[in-house]
Amino acid sequence: MKYSVYPLILAMGYCNAQWSIEVLDTDYVIVCTSLALDSEGQPHIAYSRGWDPMALKYAYFSDSTWNIEFILGSTDHPGTCSTANSQFARLMLPSLMLDGSNNEHISFTLFEPPFNARVFYGCRLGSDWEFIDIGHGYSAYSSLALNDIDEPFIAYSSPWGLEYAYFNGSEWISEIAFPRDMRIWYYNSLALNSSGNPSISFHDYGSMDLLYAFQEDSTWYSDSVETAGFVGKYSSLCLDSEGNPIIAYSDSTNGDLKLAHWDGMDWYIETIDSVGIVGRYASIDLDSNEYPHVAYYDASEGALKYAYWDGVCWHIETVDSNGNVGMYTSMKLDSYDHPHISYIDQTNFNLMYAYKYDTGVDIDLVNDVMVIGTPRPNPFAVSTDISIELLQSAHLLFSVYDLSGRLVYEQDRGIIAPVELVLSWNGASLSDEVLSNGVYFLICSTEHDTFTTKVVLFR
C-alpha cells in the first residue's frame, strides 16, 4: 500500500478529538521517554531524570491515579547498578515493554564518563527490579522487543557493529546483525514479526543513510532504504501483518518527516510533513486497519505534532505548543486506536503525557429537524452532555449502545416543541448499574432522522 495516493490534508479541529495533556513529573526531566500500554490500555512510561544525580524513573497509571517510582539512580532504590548512583553517570535511552501479564521489561544505556557506556536489560519481579549487563563493553542505543511468549530481544550499537541479543534460557547471546566497518549506528528500532524473526531500522552515521536489517533462517540481511541526503535519524519501525516494515524517520537535509514502506517488492518513500523543521523524535504505530500514526517534534515551532493516515489522506495536528515541547516522543495506540504520547517539556524540564480519543469534523450535525452538538467532555469520567436544538416539533429518543450493539441506556423525551436542550448521560445503565470503561454510541433520533456519535467512558 502506498499511503500518499491522495493529497495531504492539514486537519484543524476534530470533534470528539480533544487532546488531554498532563504534567506527570516536574523533577528535572530532560531526556528520553518510552511508553507502553498494559492490557487495559493504561499508560506506563520509563524516562530519565536530569543531573545531580541522574535517575531512571517509571510512571504508570493505576487505580485512577499516576504513580511515580525510581527504577535506578535513587539512593533509596539503587538497584544492582551501583555506578548508577554516581552524579556523573547518565541513565538514558530507555526502551520499555510490558509482557502478557503486564510485567515490566526495560533496556537502557548507562553512560559513564569519560568514554564508557553499557546496555542493560531489566525486568521487575514483584516489587524488585533485576538487571544484567548485556553490552559487554561499550554499547548504546538499545531497542527492546518481546516475542509471543514474552522472551526479551534487544538491538544495540557496539564497537563491533549493530548487535542483536537474546536470552536462550540460561545466558544472553549476542549476534552481529550488521558489522561496523568503521562506522557508527544510531537510532536503532527493533520489531519482531509473527514468527519471531527480528527486523531493525537504523541510521548510518558515516554515510548519513537509513538502513534496514532483518533475519531469516538464522541469517542476517541488510538493505539501504534511503541514501539521498542526510536521512534516517530518529527512525521508528513497525511491521504490518505480513511482516513488511514501515519506518518513520527524519530527513535532516530538508527538515522533513518521512515514511518508508516495503511492499514485498520495493521501498516506497514519501514525505508526511515538510512544513518547518519537523520529523525529529518520530514514533510510529499502526492502527487496527494497519494505517500508520506518527508522533514527532516540530523544531521550528517547538511543538509536539501528530500525523495519521485514514485510508484516503494524511492528517496533521499540533498536540502541544506550550513552550518548547515534543522532544523524546514515544507513542502507542490502544485497542480503540486512540494515541497515547509521552514527551518532554524542555522549557520546564517536565515529563508530559497526551492522549486523544475519537475523530471527526468539529461542527454541529444539522438537518431540517435538529442540530446536534459535540459531546462534552469526551472522554468523560462523571457525565457527558450533548446539546440539541429542535427546529420543529418531533418525538425525541436518546439512546446509548455499547460496542456489542446492546442498549444500555435510554431516554424517551416524547413529542417536544422547537427548543434548545441538553441531554446528559452519567455512564450508568437503565438499572443504574455502573458501566465499564470503553466506547459507547450516543444516538439521538426522531421520526425524521437519526444522529450517532461516539464517546469514551474513562474513569
Protein backbone atom coordinates (compact mmCIF):
# COMPACT_ATOMS: atom_id res chain seq x y z
CA MET A 1 0.00 0.00 0.00
CA LYS A 2 1.29 3.43 -0.89
CA TYR A 3 -0.15 5.87 1.61
CA SER A 4 0.22 9.14 -0.33
CA VAL A 5 -2.02 8.42 -3.32
CA TYR A 6 -4.16 11.35 -2.27
CA PRO A 7 -3.00 14.83 -1.28
CA LEU A 8 -2.09 15.83 2.24
CA ILE A 9 -4.81 17.48 4.29
CA LEU A 10 -3.99 19.56 7.34
CA ALA A 11 -6.71 18.72 9.82
CA MET A 12 -7.63 21.57 12.12
CA GLY A 13 -10.09 20.83 14.93
CA TYR A 14 -11.71 17.46 15.46
CA CYS A 15 -14.96 16.80 17.15
CA ASN A 16 -14.69 14.24 19.94
CA ALA A 17 -10.95 14.60 19.45
CA GLN A 18 -9.76 16.89 22.17
CA TRP A 19 -6.24 16.21 23.33
CA SER A 20 -5.86 15.83 27.07
CA ILE A 21 -2.41 16.93 28.24
CA GLU A 22 -0.98 16.18 31.66
CA VAL A 23 2.20 17.14 33.50
CA LEU A 24 3.36 13.95 35.20
CA ASP A 25 6.74 14.79 36.75
CA THR A 26 8.48 18.12 37.35
CA ASP A 27 11.65 16.52 38.77
CA TYR A 28 14.07 17.96 36.19
CA VAL A 29 13.17 15.53 33.40
CA ILE A 30 15.42 16.39 30.46
CA VAL A 31 15.82 13.39 28.16
CA CYS A 32 14.31 10.17 26.88
CA THR A 33 10.87 8.65 27.35
CA SER A 34 9.47 5.25 26.40
CA LEU A 35 5.75 4.49 26.64
CA ALA A 36 3.94 1.15 26.75
CA LEU A 37 0.27 0.28 27.30
CA ASP A 38 -0.90 -2.53 29.57
CA SER A 39 -3.68 -5.00 28.77
CA GLU A 40 -6.30 -2.45 29.88
CA GLY A 41 -4.84 0.32 27.74
CA GLN A 42 -3.32 2.17 30.69
CA PRO A 43 -0.02 4.03 30.06
CA HIS A 44 3.34 3.16 31.57
CA ILE A 45 6.36 5.40 30.93
CA ALA A 46 10.08 4.94 31.59
CA TYR A 47 12.16 8.12 31.45
CA SER A 48 15.38 9.79 32.56
CA ARG A 49 15.79 12.40 35.25
CA GLY A 50 18.42 15.14 34.90
CA TRP A 51 21.70 15.65 36.70
CA ASP A 52 22.68 15.55 40.37
CA PRO A 53 22.06 12.69 40.35
CA MET A 54 20.85 11.11 37.14
CA ALA A 55 17.99 8.64 37.61
CA LEU A 56 15.87 6.25 35.61
CA LYS A 57 12.24 6.67 36.66
CA TYR A 58 8.92 5.00 35.96
CA ALA A 59 5.41 6.48 35.83
CA TYR A 60 2.29 4.38 35.44
CA PHE A 61 -1.46 4.91 35.66
CA SER A 62 -3.29 2.61 38.07
CA ASP A 63 -6.35 2.87 40.31
CA SER A 64 -7.33 6.20 38.73
CA THR A 65 -4.05 7.90 39.57
CA TRP A 66 -0.47 8.29 38.39
CA ASN A 67 2.27 6.57 40.35
CA ILE A 68 5.95 7.52 40.07
CA GLU A 69 8.86 5.33 41.13
CA PHE A 70 12.62 5.15 40.78
CA ILE A 71 14.00 2.27 38.76
CA LEU A 72 17.66 3.25 39.21
CA GLY A 73 19.64 6.19 40.46
CA SER A 74 17.88 6.97 43.73
CA THR A 75 19.78 6.34 46.96
CA ASP A 76 16.59 4.67 48.17
CA HIS A 77 16.33 2.36 45.17
CA PRO A 78 19.79 1.86 43.70
CA GLY A 79 19.00 -1.49 42.09
CA THR A 80 22.06 -3.58 41.27
CA CYS A 81 23.97 -1.00 39.18
CA SER A 82 25.99 0.72 41.88
CA THR A 83 27.69 3.09 39.45
CA ALA A 84 24.29 4.50 38.55
CA ASN A 85 24.37 6.48 41.77
CA SER A 86 27.37 8.49 40.65
CA GLN A 87 26.44 12.08 39.94
CA PHE A 88 28.39 11.74 36.71
CA ALA A 89 26.67 8.62 35.39
CA ARG A 90 23.84 9.10 32.92
CA LEU A 91 20.94 6.67 32.70
CA MET A 92 19.46 7.24 29.28
CA LEU A 93 17.61 5.90 26.28
CA PRO A 94 15.14 3.54 27.98
CA SER A 95 13.07 1.11 25.92
CA LEU A 96 10.05 -0.20 27.84
CA MET A 97 7.81 -3.19 27.10
CA LEU A 98 5.06 -4.95 29.06
CA ASP A 99 4.52 -8.68 28.71
CA GLY A 100 1.20 -10.54 28.62
CA SER A 101 0.99 -10.45 32.42
CA ASN A 102 1.76 -6.70 32.49
CA ASN A 103 5.23 -7.31 33.92
CA GLU A 104 7.74 -4.60 33.06
CA HIS A 105 10.82 -5.19 30.88
CA ILE A 106 13.31 -2.48 30.04
CA SER A 107 16.60 -1.89 28.26
CA PHE A 108 18.65 1.26 28.75
CA THR A 109 22.14 2.72 28.40
CA LEU A 110 24.31 3.63 31.35
CA PHE A 111 26.81 6.27 30.19
CA GLU A 112 29.91 6.56 32.40
CA PRO A 113 32.50 9.27 31.77
CA PRO A 114 34.72 9.72 30.08
CA PHE A 115 34.21 7.15 27.32
CA ASN A 116 32.23 4.17 28.57
CA ALA A 117 28.64 3.12 28.01
CA ARG A 118 26.84 -0.14 28.68
CA VAL A 119 23.45 -1.54 27.71
CA PHE A 120 21.45 -3.16 30.49
CA TYR A 121 18.33 -5.29 30.46
CA GLY A 122 15.99 -5.22 33.44
CA CYS A 123 12.73 -6.81 34.50
CA ARG A 124 10.57 -6.39 37.54
CA LEU A 125 9.84 -9.46 39.62
CA GLY A 126 7.22 -8.49 42.16
CA SER A 127 8.39 -5.23 43.68
CA ASP A 128 12.08 -5.68 42.82
CA TRP A 129 13.94 -4.89 39.63
CA GLU A 130 16.72 -7.18 38.42
CA PHE A 131 19.34 -6.07 35.89
CA ILE A 132 22.00 -7.63 33.73
CA ASP A 133 24.75 -6.03 31.65
CA ILE A 134 24.32 -7.42 28.14
CA GLY A 135 26.53 -4.97 26.23
CA HIS A 136 29.88 -6.39 27.41
CA GLY A 137 31.87 -3.22 26.78
CA TYR A 138 30.92 0.00 25.05
CA SER A 139 27.32 -0.29 23.83
CA ALA A 140 24.40 2.10 23.45
CA TYR A 141 21.14 2.95 21.66
CA SER A 142 19.17 -0.14 22.64
CA SER A 143 15.71 -1.11 21.43
CA LEU A 144 13.71 -3.83 23.19
CA ALA A 145 11.04 -6.21 21.87
CA LEU A 146 9.19 -9.22 23.33
CA ASN A 147 8.09 -12.25 21.35
CA ASP A 148 4.77 -14.09 21.69
CA ILE A 149 5.95 -15.96 24.78
CA ASP A 150 7.34 -12.79 26.38
CA GLU A 151 11.03 -13.52 25.79
CA PRO A 152 13.17 -10.34 25.50
CA PHE A 153 15.24 -9.37 22.46
CA ILE A 154 17.44 -6.28 22.22
CA ALA A 155 19.16 -4.46 19.35
CA TYR A 156 22.00 -2.09 20.20
CA SER A 157 25.15 -0.48 18.82
CA SER A 158 28.64 -1.59 19.82
CA PRO A 159 32.22 -1.20 18.55
CA TRP A 160 31.65 -4.39 16.54
CA GLY A 161 28.53 -3.11 14.78
CA LEU A 162 24.79 -3.40 15.14
CA GLU A 163 24.22 -6.23 17.61
CA TYR A 164 21.19 -8.34 18.44
CA ALA A 165 20.91 -10.05 21.82
CA TYR A 166 18.51 -12.64 23.19
CA PHE A 167 18.22 -14.90 26.22
CA ASN A 168 18.49 -18.61 25.40
CA GLY A 169 17.17 -19.80 28.75
CA SER A 170 20.49 -19.76 30.58
CA GLU A 171 22.51 -16.85 29.21
CA TRP A 172 22.36 -13.86 26.89
CA ILE A 173 23.62 -14.48 23.34
CA SER A 174 24.73 -11.65 21.04
CA GLU A 175 24.95 -11.68 17.25
CA ILE A 176 26.30 -9.15 14.76
CA ALA A 177 23.34 -8.06 12.67
CA PHE A 178 25.40 -5.56 10.68
CA PRO A 179 29.19 -5.12 11.01
CA ARG A 180 30.54 -1.73 11.96
CA ASP A 181 33.06 -1.28 9.12
CA MET A 182 34.47 1.81 10.91
CA ARG A 183 31.03 3.40 11.08
CA ILE A 184 28.61 4.07 13.94
CA TRP A 185 24.93 3.07 14.06
CA TYR A 186 22.37 5.24 15.83
CA TYR A 187 18.60 5.39 16.34
CA ASN A 188 18.04 1.63 16.32
CA SER A 189 14.43 0.42 16.28
CA LEU A 190 13.63 -3.29 16.69
CA ALA A 191 10.46 -5.20 15.79
CA LEU A 192 9.63 -8.92 15.63
CA ASN A 193 7.33 -10.49 13.04
CA SER A 194 4.70 -13.13 13.80
CA SER A 195 7.37 -15.86 13.54
CA GLY A 196 9.63 -14.04 15.99
CA ASN A 197 12.17 -13.02 13.34
CA PRO A 198 13.79 -9.65 14.05
CA SER A 199 13.91 -6.53 11.89
CA ILE A 200 15.90 -3.39 12.74
CA SER A 201 15.91 0.08 11.25
CA PHE A 202 18.94 2.26 11.99
CA HIS A 203 20.91 5.31 10.91
CA ASP A 204 24.39 5.03 9.41
CA TYR A 205 26.20 7.99 10.90
CA GLY A 206 29.07 7.59 8.42
CA SER A 207 27.12 7.65 5.17
CA MET A 208 24.12 9.51 6.67
CA ASP A 209 21.75 6.86 5.28
CA LEU A 210 18.69 4.98 6.55
CA LEU A 211 19.44 1.25 6.70
CA TYR A 212 17.38 -1.84 7.47
CA ALA A 213 18.48 -5.29 8.66
CA PHE A 214 16.42 -8.44 9.06
CA GLN A 215 16.96 -12.08 9.88
CA GLU A 216 15.63 -15.13 8.01
CA ASP A 217 16.64 -18.75 8.69
CA SER A 218 19.28 -17.56 11.18
CA THR A 219 20.97 -15.39 8.51
CA TRP A 220 21.14 -11.60 8.65
CA TYR A 221 20.42 -9.49 5.55
CA SER A 222 20.52 -5.72 5.08
CA ASP A 223 19.21 -3.09 2.72
CA SER A 224 19.65 0.63 2.11
CA VAL A 225 16.24 2.25 2.49
CA GLU A 226 17.14 5.83 1.54
CA THR A 227 20.54 7.32 0.71
CA ALA A 228 19.61 10.75 -0.67
CA GLY A 229 20.99 13.38 1.69
CA PHE A 230 21.24 13.19 5.48
CA VAL A 231 18.40 10.77 6.30
CA GLY A 232 17.43 8.14 8.84
CA LYS A 233 17.84 9.86 12.18
CA TYR A 234 15.14 9.13 14.76
CA SER A 235 14.00 6.02 12.89
CA SER A 236 10.96 4.23 14.31
CA LEU A 237 9.97 0.83 12.93
CA CYS A 238 6.81 -1.26 12.93
CA LEU A 239 5.74 -4.29 10.89
CA ASP A 240 2.39 -4.89 9.21
CA SER A 241 0.52 -8.20 9.44
CA GLU A 242 2.58 -9.61 6.55
CA GLY A 243 5.83 -8.65 8.26
CA ASN A 244 6.57 -5.78 5.88
CA PRO A 245 8.49 -2.91 7.52
CA ILE A 246 7.14 0.63 7.83
CA ILE A 247 9.63 3.23 9.07
CA ALA A 248 9.10 6.82 10.16
CA TYR A 249 12.25 8.95 10.20
CA SER A 250 13.77 12.39 9.79
CA ASP A 251 15.17 13.83 6.57
CA SER A 252 17.67 16.23 8.14
CA THR A 253 18.71 17.69 4.77
CA ASN A 254 15.23 19.07 4.09
CA GLY A 255 13.85 19.14 7.63
CA ASP A 256 11.03 16.73 6.73
CA LEU A 257 9.18 13.85 8.34
CA LYS A 258 9.27 10.83 6.01
CA LEU A 259 7.79 7.35 5.80
CA ALA A 260 9.34 4.32 4.11
CA HIS A 261 7.21 1.25 3.39
CA TRP A 262 8.33 -2.07 1.92
CA ASP A 263 5.50 -3.69 -0.06
CA GLY A 264 7.27 -7.02 -0.60
CA MET A 265 8.96 -5.85 -3.81
CA ASP A 266 10.31 -2.35 -3.31
CA TRP A 267 10.63 0.57 -0.90
CA TYR A 268 8.14 3.44 -1.22
CA ILE A 269 9.34 6.74 0.24
CA GLU A 270 7.03 9.63 0.94
CA THR A 271 7.07 12.91 2.82
CA ILE A 272 4.43 13.21 5.53
CA ASP A 273 5.22 16.74 6.74
CA SER A 274 7.56 19.32 5.18
CA VAL A 275 6.37 22.50 6.91
CA GLY A 276 9.22 23.88 9.01
CA ILE A 277 11.88 21.66 10.58
CA VAL A 278 10.00 18.51 11.50
CA GLY A 279 10.41 14.75 11.93
CA ARG A 280 12.74 14.56 14.91
CA TYR A 281 11.95 12.03 17.65
CA ALA A 282 9.49 10.19 15.41
CA SER A 283 7.45 7.38 16.96
CA ILE A 284 5.21 5.17 14.81
CA ASP A 285 2.41 2.69 15.43
CA LEU A 286 -0.24 1.02 13.25
CA ASP A 287 -3.97 1.12 13.95
CA SER A 288 -6.47 -1.73 13.54
CA ASN A 289 -6.65 -1.01 9.80
CA GLU A 290 -2.83 -1.09 9.63
CA TYR A 291 -2.77 2.64 8.89
CA PRO A 292 0.31 4.45 10.26
CA HIS A 293 0.20 7.06 13.02
CA VAL A 294 3.31 9.10 13.86
CA ALA A 295 4.11 11.43 16.77
CA TYR A 296 7.07 13.76 16.29
CA TYR A 297 8.76 17.04 17.21
CA ASP A 298 8.45 20.26 15.19
CA ALA A 299 11.74 22.04 15.93
CA SER A 300 10.73 25.23 14.12
CA GLU A 301 7.68 25.69 16.36
CA GLY A 302 8.91 23.88 19.47
CA ALA A 303 5.76 21.76 19.31
CA LEU A 304 4.56 18.17 19.56
CA LYS A 305 2.80 17.07 16.37
CA TYR A 306 0.82 14.02 15.33
CA ALA A 307 0.12 12.67 11.85
CA TYR A 308 -2.08 9.79 10.80
CA TRP A 309 -3.26 8.18 7.58
CA ASP A 310 -7.02 7.48 7.38
CA GLY A 311 -7.02 5.41 4.19
CA VAL A 312 -7.50 8.45 1.97
CA CYS A 313 -5.09 11.14 3.11
CA TRP A 314 -2.66 12.25 5.78
CA HIS A 315 -3.91 14.42 8.64
CA ILE A 316 -1.55 16.52 10.75
CA GLU A 317 -2.34 18.04 14.13
CA THR A 318 -0.46 20.12 16.67
CA VAL A 319 -0.89 18.37 20.00
CA ASP A 320 1.01 20.75 22.30
CA SER A 321 2.79 24.04 21.60
CA ASN A 322 3.01 25.46 25.12
CA GLY A 323 6.72 26.25 25.34
CA ASN A 324 9.40 24.08 23.75
CA VAL A 325 7.69 20.70 23.88
CA GLY A 326 7.66 17.44 21.96
CA MET A 327 11.21 16.09 22.23
CA TYR A 328 11.86 12.43 23.07
CA THR A 329 8.43 11.31 21.94
CA SER A 330 7.05 7.84 22.40
CA MET A 331 3.60 6.83 21.13
CA LYS A 332 1.34 3.79 21.26
CA LEU A 333 -2.22 3.23 20.05
CA ASP A 334 -4.64 1.44 22.35
CA SER A 335 -7.21 -1.16 21.27
CA TYR A 336 -9.58 1.64 20.23
CA ASP A 337 -6.85 3.22 18.03
CA HIS A 338 -6.51 6.15 20.42
CA PRO A 339 -3.00 7.63 20.61
CA HIS A 340 -1.09 7.94 23.88
CA ILE A 341 2.11 10.00 23.79
CA SER A 342 4.88 10.67 26.29
CA TYR A 343 7.31 13.53 25.68
CA ILE A 344 9.44 16.18 27.35
CA ASP A 345 8.68 19.84 28.05
CA GLN A 346 12.17 21.28 27.56
CA THR A 347 11.08 24.71 28.78
CA ASN A 348 10.23 23.48 32.28
CA PHE A 349 12.00 20.08 32.22
CA ASN A 350 8.77 18.19 32.81
CA LEU A 351 7.56 14.76 31.80
CA MET A 352 4.40 15.17 29.73
CA TYR A 353 1.63 12.81 28.64
CA ALA A 354 -1.02 13.42 25.98
CA TYR A 355 -3.90 11.24 24.88
CA LYS A 356 -6.74 11.62 22.43
CA TYR A 357 -9.92 9.79 21.58
CA ASP A 358 -12.23 9.83 18.58
CA THR A 359 -12.02 11.70 15.31
CA GLY A 360 -14.36 13.65 13.09
CA VAL A 361 -15.03 17.19 11.93
CA ASP A 362 -15.71 19.65 14.74
CA ILE A 363 -19.01 21.04 13.52
CA ASP A 364 -22.61 20.53 14.59
CA LEU A 365 -24.63 17.88 12.79
CA VAL A 366 -27.58 19.59 11.12
CA ASN A 367 -30.71 18.65 9.22
CA ASP A 368 -34.15 20.23 8.84
CA VAL A 369 -35.30 18.86 12.19
CA MET A 370 -32.44 19.26 14.67
CA VAL A 371 -28.90 20.45 15.31
CA ILE A 372 -26.68 18.09 17.33
CA GLY A 373 -23.62 19.42 19.15
CA THR A 374 -20.42 17.68 20.18
CA PRO A 375 -20.49 15.65 23.42
CA ARG A 376 -18.55 17.42 26.16
CA PRO A 377 -16.42 16.26 27.85
CA ASN A 378 -15.18 13.34 25.81
CA PRO A 379 -13.68 11.17 27.18
CA PHE A 380 -15.57 11.57 30.45
CA ALA A 381 -15.44 10.14 33.94
CA VAL A 382 -18.58 11.53 35.61
CA SER A 383 -21.01 12.58 32.90
CA THR A 384 -21.10 13.89 29.35
CA ASP A 385 -23.53 16.40 27.81
CA ILE A 386 -24.81 16.75 24.29
CA SER A 387 -26.70 19.85 23.15
CA ILE A 388 -29.68 19.60 20.85
CA GLU A 389 -31.74 22.23 19.06
CA LEU A 390 -35.05 21.01 17.71
CA LEU A 391 -36.08 23.11 14.72
CA GLN A 392 -39.62 21.68 14.60
CA SER A 393 -41.82 19.52 16.79
CA ALA A 394 -40.59 15.93 16.91
CA HIS A 395 -40.59 12.78 19.02
CA LEU A 396 -37.08 12.70 20.55
CA LEU A 397 -35.40 9.48 21.68
CA PHE A 398 -31.95 9.49 23.29
CA SER A 399 -30.24 6.07 23.42
CA VAL A 400 -26.82 4.70 24.36
CA TYR A 401 -25.37 1.45 22.99
CA ASP A 402 -22.14 -0.38 23.78
CA LEU A 403 -19.75 -1.82 21.19
CA SER A 404 -21.65 -5.12 21.06
CA GLY A 405 -24.83 -3.30 19.99
CA ARG A 406 -26.54 -3.75 23.37
CA LEU A 407 -28.86 -0.96 24.51
CA VAL A 408 -27.53 0.22 27.88
CA TYR A 409 -29.45 3.48 28.45
CA GLU A 410 -32.43 5.30 27.01
CA GLN A 411 -34.44 8.49 27.49
CA ASP A 412 -37.76 8.82 25.65
CA ARG A 413 -38.49 12.54 25.74
CA GLY A 414 -41.77 12.23 23.87
CA ILE A 415 -43.02 14.85 21.44
CA ILE A 416 -41.24 18.15 22.04
CA ALA A 417 -41.91 21.57 20.55
CA PRO A 418 -38.98 23.50 18.98
CA VAL A 419 -36.48 24.07 21.79
CA GLU A 420 -32.80 24.04 22.78
CA LEU A 421 -31.91 21.47 25.41
CA VAL A 422 -29.01 19.48 26.83
CA LEU A 423 -29.08 15.71 27.28
CA SER A 424 -26.77 14.12 29.84
CA TRP A 425 -25.50 10.62 30.47
CA ASN A 426 -23.59 9.62 33.60
CA GLY A 427 -22.15 6.33 32.37
CA ALA A 428 -24.80 4.22 34.10
CA SER A 429 -27.22 1.66 32.68
CA LEU A 430 -31.01 1.68 32.67
CA SER A 431 -30.92 -0.07 36.04
CA ASP A 432 -28.38 2.47 37.35
CA GLU A 433 -25.57 -0.07 37.10
CA VAL A 434 -22.08 1.42 36.79
CA LEU A 435 -20.78 0.50 33.34
CA SER A 436 -17.22 -0.45 32.49
CA ASN A 437 -14.76 1.84 30.71
CA GLY A 438 -14.92 1.79 26.94
CA VAL A 439 -16.54 3.19 23.81
CA TYR A 440 -20.26 3.91 23.69
CA PHE A 441 -22.54 5.26 20.97
CA LEU A 442 -24.94 8.13 21.72
CA ILE A 443 -27.93 8.10 19.37
CA CYS A 444 -30.39 10.97 19.06
CA SER A 445 -33.33 10.06 16.87
CA THR A 446 -36.67 11.43 15.78
CA GLU A 447 -39.25 10.09 13.38
CA HIS A 448 -37.39 12.07 10.71
CA ASP A 449 -33.72 11.18 11.21
CA THR A 450 -31.05 9.64 13.46
CA PHE A 451 -27.67 11.01 14.53
CA THR A 452 -24.94 8.85 16.09
CA THR A 453 -21.79 9.99 17.84
CA LYS A 454 -19.14 8.18 19.90
CA VAL A 455 -17.94 8.83 23.45
CA VAL A 456 -15.38 7.18 25.71
CA LEU A 457 -16.09 6.40 29.36
CA PHE A 458 -12.74 6.53 31.20
CA ARG A 459 -12.94 6.56 35.00
